[in-house]
Protein backbone atom coordinates (compact mmCIF):
# COMPACT_ATOMS: atom_id res chain seq x y z
CA UNK A 1 -15.84 22.41 -1.84
CA UNK A 2 -12.99 23.34 0.41
CA UNK A 3 -11.21 20.11 -0.34
CA UNK A 4 -11.78 20.69 -3.99
CA UNK A 5 -10.20 24.13 -3.91
CA UNK A 6 -7.22 22.69 -1.89
CA UNK A 7 -6.77 20.01 -4.52
CA UNK A 8 -7.18 22.42 -7.36
CA UNK A 9 -4.93 25.15 -5.84
CA UNK A 10 -2.25 22.51 -5.19
CA UNK A 11 -2.36 21.34 -8.87
CA UNK A 12 -2.14 24.96 -10.14
CA UNK A 13 0.80 25.73 -7.86
CA UNK A 14 2.85 22.58 -8.91
CA UNK A 15 6.36 23.65 -10.27
CA UNK A 16 6.15 20.69 -12.52
CA UNK A 17 4.05 20.64 -15.85
CA UNK A 18 1.38 17.84 -15.77
CA UNK A 19 0.26 15.87 -18.95
CA UNK A 20 -3.31 15.79 -19.72
CA UNK A 21 -5.49 14.53 -17.03
CA UNK A 22 -8.60 14.93 -15.08
CA UNK A 23 -10.13 14.75 -11.59
CA UNK A 24 -11.42 11.54 -10.15
CA UNK A 25 -14.42 11.74 -7.95
CA UNK A 26 -16.64 9.72 -5.60
CA UNK A 27 -19.65 7.85 -6.99
CA UNK A 28 -21.99 10.97 -6.82
CA UNK A 29 -19.36 12.98 -8.89
CA UNK A 30 -19.17 15.91 -6.54
CA UNK A 31 -16.08 15.38 -4.53
CA UNK A 32 -12.73 15.33 -6.35
CA UNK A 33 -10.44 12.84 -4.67
CA UNK A 34 -7.41 12.87 -6.81
CA UNK A 35 -5.93 13.76 -10.21
CA UNK A 36 -5.29 11.10 -12.67
CA UNK A 37 -3.51 11.19 -16.22
CA UNK A 38 -5.30 10.43 -19.30
CA UNK A 39 -2.38 8.29 -20.45
CA UNK A 40 0.54 6.37 -18.89
CA UNK A 41 3.00 8.16 -16.70
CA UNK A 42 6.00 9.47 -18.66
CA UNK A 43 9.43 8.82 -17.54
CA UNK A 44 10.72 10.93 -14.92
CA UNK A 45 7.66 12.68 -13.96
CA UNK A 46 6.78 10.53 -10.79
CA UNK A 47 10.34 11.30 -9.58
CA UNK A 48 9.86 15.01 -9.97
CA UNK A 49 6.57 15.11 -8.38
CA UNK A 50 7.73 12.97 -5.52
CA UNK A 51 10.63 15.38 -4.93
CA UNK A 52 8.17 18.06 -4.95
CA UNK A 53 5.89 16.50 -2.49
CA UNK A 54 7.17 18.42 0.67
CA UNK A 55 6.33 21.86 -0.90
CA UNK A 56 3.30 20.62 -3.02
CA UNK A 57 1.45 18.44 -0.54
CA UNK A 58 0.53 16.14 -3.46
CA UNK A 59 1.57 12.39 -3.10
CA UNK A 60 2.21 10.83 -6.44
CA UNK A 61 0.98 7.32 -7.14
CA UNK A 62 1.05 5.04 -10.06
CA UNK A 63 -2.53 3.86 -10.61
CA UNK A 64 -3.42 0.48 -12.35
CA UNK A 65 -6.94 -0.83 -13.18
CA UNK A 66 -8.84 -4.02 -12.51
CA UNK A 67 -9.05 -4.36 -16.31
CA UNK A 68 -6.61 -2.47 -18.78
CA UNK A 69 -9.23 -3.12 -21.61
CA UNK A 70 -12.17 -1.78 -19.76
CA UNK A 71 -13.33 1.82 -20.59
CA UNK A 72 -13.63 3.02 -16.81
CA UNK A 73 -10.11 2.26 -15.49
CA UNK A 74 -11.61 0.75 -12.37
CA UNK A 75 -11.75 1.83 -9.61
CA UNK A 76 -10.13 5.19 -10.47
CA UNK A 77 -12.67 6.53 -13.03
CA UNK A 78 -15.71 4.40 -12.23
CA UNK A 79 -17.00 6.05 -8.98
CA UNK A 80 -15.67 3.14 -6.86
CA UNK A 81 -13.63 5.42 -4.54
CA UNK A 82 -15.02 5.86 -1.02
CA UNK A 83 -12.82 8.50 1.04
CA UNK A 84 -12.03 7.80 4.63
CA UNK A 85 -11.22 10.49 7.25
CA UNK A 86 -7.62 10.86 6.99
CA UNK A 87 -7.10 10.93 10.63
CA UNK A 88 -8.89 7.46 10.99
CA UNK A 89 -5.75 5.42 10.93
CA UNK A 90 -4.39 7.31 13.86
CA UNK A 91 -7.16 5.63 15.86
CA UNK A 92 -5.73 2.15 15.58
CA UNK A 93 -2.69 0.32 17.12
CA UNK A 94 -1.08 -1.28 14.32
CA UNK A 95 0.53 -3.93 16.52
CA UNK A 96 -2.95 -4.75 17.77
CA UNK A 97 -4.32 -4.96 14.21
CA UNK A 98 -1.67 -7.35 13.03
CA UNK A 99 -1.97 -9.49 16.19
CA UNK A 100 -5.93 -9.61 15.51
CA UNK A 101 -5.35 -10.43 11.89
CA UNK A 102 -2.85 -13.17 12.76
CA UNK A 103 -5.57 -14.92 15.02
CA UNK A 104 -8.09 -14.59 12.18
CA UNK A 105 -5.59 -16.34 9.85
CA UNK A 106 -4.74 -19.16 12.45
CA UNK A 107 -8.38 -19.89 12.93
CA UNK A 108 -8.12 -19.44 16.76
CA UNK A 109 -9.73 -15.95 17.07
CA UNK A 110 -12.22 -17.16 19.68
CA UNK A 111 -9.86 -19.53 21.57
CA UNK A 112 -10.84 -22.42 19.68
CA UNK A 113 -8.62 -24.32 17.18
CA UNK A 114 -9.27 -24.37 13.62
CA UNK A 115 -10.14 -27.54 11.91
CA UNK A 116 -6.87 -27.83 9.94
CA UNK A 117 -4.63 -26.89 13.00
CA UNK A 118 -1.83 -29.29 11.73
CA UNK A 119 -1.90 -27.81 8.24
CA UNK A 120 -1.75 -24.22 9.71
CA UNK A 121 1.31 -25.09 11.86
CA UNK A 122 3.02 -26.37 9.01
CA UNK A 123 2.07 -23.37 6.61
CA UNK A 124 2.93 -20.82 9.42
CA UNK A 125 6.23 -22.52 10.53
CA UNK A 126 8.37 -21.66 12.37
CA UNK A 127 5.81 -19.77 14.58
CA UNK A 128 2.83 -22.23 14.06
CA UNK A 129 -0.11 -20.36 15.45
CA UNK A 130 1.79 -18.37 17.98
CA UNK A 131 1.91 -14.60 16.95
CA UNK A 132 5.60 -13.76 17.01
CA UNK A 133 5.10 -10.08 17.54
CA UNK A 134 6.44 -7.23 15.51
CA UNK A 135 9.63 -7.45 13.54
CA UNK A 136 12.52 -5.03 14.85
CA UNK A 137 12.69 -1.76 12.91
CA UNK A 138 15.37 -1.11 10.39
CA UNK A 139 18.09 1.58 10.23
CA UNK A 140 17.22 3.52 7.27
CA UNK A 141 19.93 6.07 6.01
CA UNK A 142 18.78 9.72 5.45
CA UNK A 143 17.42 9.93 1.79
CA UNK A 144 17.33 6.22 1.27
CA UNK A 145 13.55 5.79 1.44
CA UNK A 146 12.92 8.52 -1.09
CA UNK A 147 15.68 7.32 -3.52
CA UNK A 148 14.32 3.76 -3.55
CA UNK A 149 10.76 5.00 -4.04
CA UNK A 150 11.95 7.06 -7.02
CA UNK A 151 13.91 4.08 -8.52
CA UNK A 152 10.99 1.68 -8.26
CA UNK A 153 8.61 3.94 -9.77
CA UNK A 154 10.64 4.20 -12.75
CA UNK A 155 10.55 0.49 -13.16
CA UNK A 156 6.92 0.05 -12.42
CA UNK A 157 5.69 2.76 -14.76
CA UNK A 158 7.03 0.74 -17.73
CA UNK A 159 3.92 -1.45 -17.13
CA UNK A 160 1.71 1.58 -18.27
CA UNK A 161 0.34 2.57 -15.21
CA UNK A 162 -1.24 6.05 -15.23
CA UNK A 163 -0.04 8.96 -12.88
CA UNK A 164 -2.18 9.82 -9.83
CA UNK A 165 -1.81 12.86 -7.47
CA UNK A 166 -3.48 12.83 -3.88
CA UNK A 167 -3.31 15.74 -1.48
CA UNK A 168 -1.91 13.82 1.40
CA UNK A 169 1.02 13.61 3.68
CA UNK A 170 2.24 10.26 2.71
CA UNK A 171 1.38 7.25 0.54
CA UNK A 172 -0.41 5.53 3.45
CA UNK A 173 -2.47 8.63 3.98
CA UNK A 174 -3.16 8.98 0.17
CA UNK A 175 -5.07 5.69 0.23
CA UNK A 176 -7.70 7.00 2.90
CA UNK A 177 -8.08 10.27 1.08
CA UNK A 178 -8.53 8.90 -2.34
CA UNK A 179 -11.11 6.32 -1.07
CA UNK A 180 -9.16 3.20 -2.25
CA UNK A 181 -10.79 -0.07 -1.01
CA UNK A 182 -8.85 -2.77 -2.45
CA UNK A 183 -8.52 -5.07 0.78
CA UNK A 184 -12.27 -4.48 1.66
CA UNK A 185 -12.79 -8.22 2.08
CA UNK A 186 -9.97 -8.28 4.67
CA UNK A 187 -10.14 -5.01 6.47
CA UNK A 188 -11.06 -1.22 6.13
CA UNK A 189 -8.77 1.08 4.30
CA UNK A 190 -8.19 3.04 7.63
CA UNK A 191 -6.87 -0.11 9.32
CA UNK A 192 -4.61 -0.89 6.35
CA UNK A 193 -3.34 2.62 6.33
CA UNK A 194 -2.56 2.39 9.97
CA UNK A 195 -0.32 -0.47 9.33
CA UNK A 196 1.16 1.05 6.36
CA UNK A 197 2.04 4.20 8.22
CA UNK A 198 3.71 2.14 10.90
CA UNK A 199 5.81 0.36 8.15
CA UNK A 200 6.72 3.88 6.82
CA UNK A 201 8.12 4.65 10.18
CA UNK A 202 9.89 1.29 11.12
CA UNK A 203 11.12 0.23 7.67
CA UNK A 204 11.10 3.37 5.43
CA UNK A 205 8.74 1.78 3.03
CA UNK A 206 6.75 3.97 0.65
CA UNK A 207 3.60 3.43 -1.36
CA UNK A 208 4.46 3.52 -5.17
CA UNK A 209 1.75 1.77 -7.09
CA UNK A 210 -1.96 1.07 -6.15
CA UNK A 211 -4.29 -0.97 -8.31
CA UNK A 212 -7.91 -2.21 -7.92
CA UNK A 213 -6.85 -4.57 -5.05
CA UNK A 214 -3.07 -4.52 -5.24
CA UNK A 215 -0.21 -2.45 -3.52
CA UNK A 216 3.49 -2.07 -4.52
CA UNK A 217 5.71 -0.84 -1.83
CA UNK A 218 9.41 0.40 -2.09
CA UNK A 219 11.87 -0.98 0.44
CA UNK A 220 15.06 0.95 1.13
CA UNK A 221 16.60 -1.53 3.71
CA UNK A 222 15.15 -5.10 3.04
CA UNK A 223 16.18 -7.85 5.26
CA UNK A 224 19.58 -9.53 4.85
CA UNK A 225 18.97 -12.90 6.13
CA UNK A 226 16.15 -15.38 6.55
CA UNK A 227 16.22 -14.90 10.17
CA UNK A 228 15.49 -11.18 9.64
CA UNK A 229 12.86 -11.87 7.11
CA UNK A 230 10.78 -14.31 9.15
CA UNK A 231 9.13 -11.90 11.53
CA UNK A 232 8.48 -9.52 8.63
CA UNK A 233 6.93 -12.47 6.80
CA UNK A 234 4.56 -12.92 9.73
CA UNK A 235 3.44 -9.36 9.64
CA UNK A 236 2.77 -9.57 5.77
CA UNK A 237 0.84 -12.77 6.31
CA UNK A 238 -1.37 -11.16 8.96
CA UNK A 239 -1.80 -8.11 6.77
CA UNK A 240 -2.38 -10.05 3.41
CA UNK A 241 -3.02 -13.80 3.99
CA UNK A 242 -3.48 -14.41 0.34
CA UNK A 243 0.36 -14.16 0.00
CA UNK A 244 0.77 -17.48 1.77
CA UNK A 245 -2.65 -19.20 1.71
CA UNK A 246 -3.21 -18.51 -2.10
CA UNK A 247 0.42 -17.91 -2.98
CA UNK A 248 3.73 -19.64 -1.54
CA UNK A 249 1.74 -21.96 0.78
CA UNK A 250 4.62 -21.41 3.39
CA UNK A 251 5.42 -18.51 5.57
CA UNK A 252 9.01 -19.48 5.35
CA UNK A 253 9.09 -19.78 1.59
CA UNK A 254 7.39 -16.46 1.40
CA UNK A 255 10.16 -15.09 3.98
CA UNK A 256 12.88 -16.37 1.49
CA UNK A 257 11.68 -14.08 -1.11
CA UNK A 258 11.94 -11.13 1.12
CA UNK A 259 15.52 -11.38 1.55
CA UNK A 260 17.29 -8.57 -0.27
CA UNK A 261 13.96 -7.56 -1.93
CA UNK A 262 13.51 -3.86 -2.53
CA UNK A 263 9.84 -4.30 -3.44
CA UNK A 264 6.89 -5.63 -1.35
CA UNK A 265 3.88 -6.60 -3.34
CA UNK A 266 0.42 -7.31 -2.09
CA UNK A 267 -2.84 -8.51 -3.33
CA UNK A 268 -6.34 -9.38 -1.82
CA UNK A 269 -8.91 -11.64 -3.37
């Protein structure tokens, strides 16, 4: 009940007028987890709410469903939200998570070579099956992270996403609070949020849009060269292997797409 009152009070105190919407809850319908608009997000509203976040404590998200023609806007209105303790991501070491996931990708988690070692070496070139470590942090100018997030939101909302508001300190934290479970076949939301929070710190990225099993992040300072992009691509491959193994087929090709890109997109099968 306390969390409900906190969310309701925060919504009531907003200096921005909201369109028609409702509270989305857990499966049992008792615990409100976020507010969601009934219709697509209007122009400029995400921008206003994002600017108001330091005072409101409500993180704005663009929310998309698994099936746009379905009546329940899965998972947001279908009871498929399973909140995690917002403190859980702090229990994990992001570098250790990425290293472990890389070992799972390369088939050598238990010290044994995978059956397709040669194919893996080629797909993961130039690193092969050796984890390269974390990419260097970017230098993010003051205000650049927020500006880029707001600009990306205005582009993405044109796809018809609804507006969501979660009582959270950041986009990474919002995912655990609202109970999103998109990467469940890869890792729990607490672990995913731990890496996202680290990317928020190191690269200034921000969570802008969330789908049933997709994420869209804004990137204020993208890599300028392939050499800069390669270690970042390794982190992305550990975080979301489908990007390479059901996508480009090559870490290097994926890295080429990161050069100069102000948007990172993730999806889990």
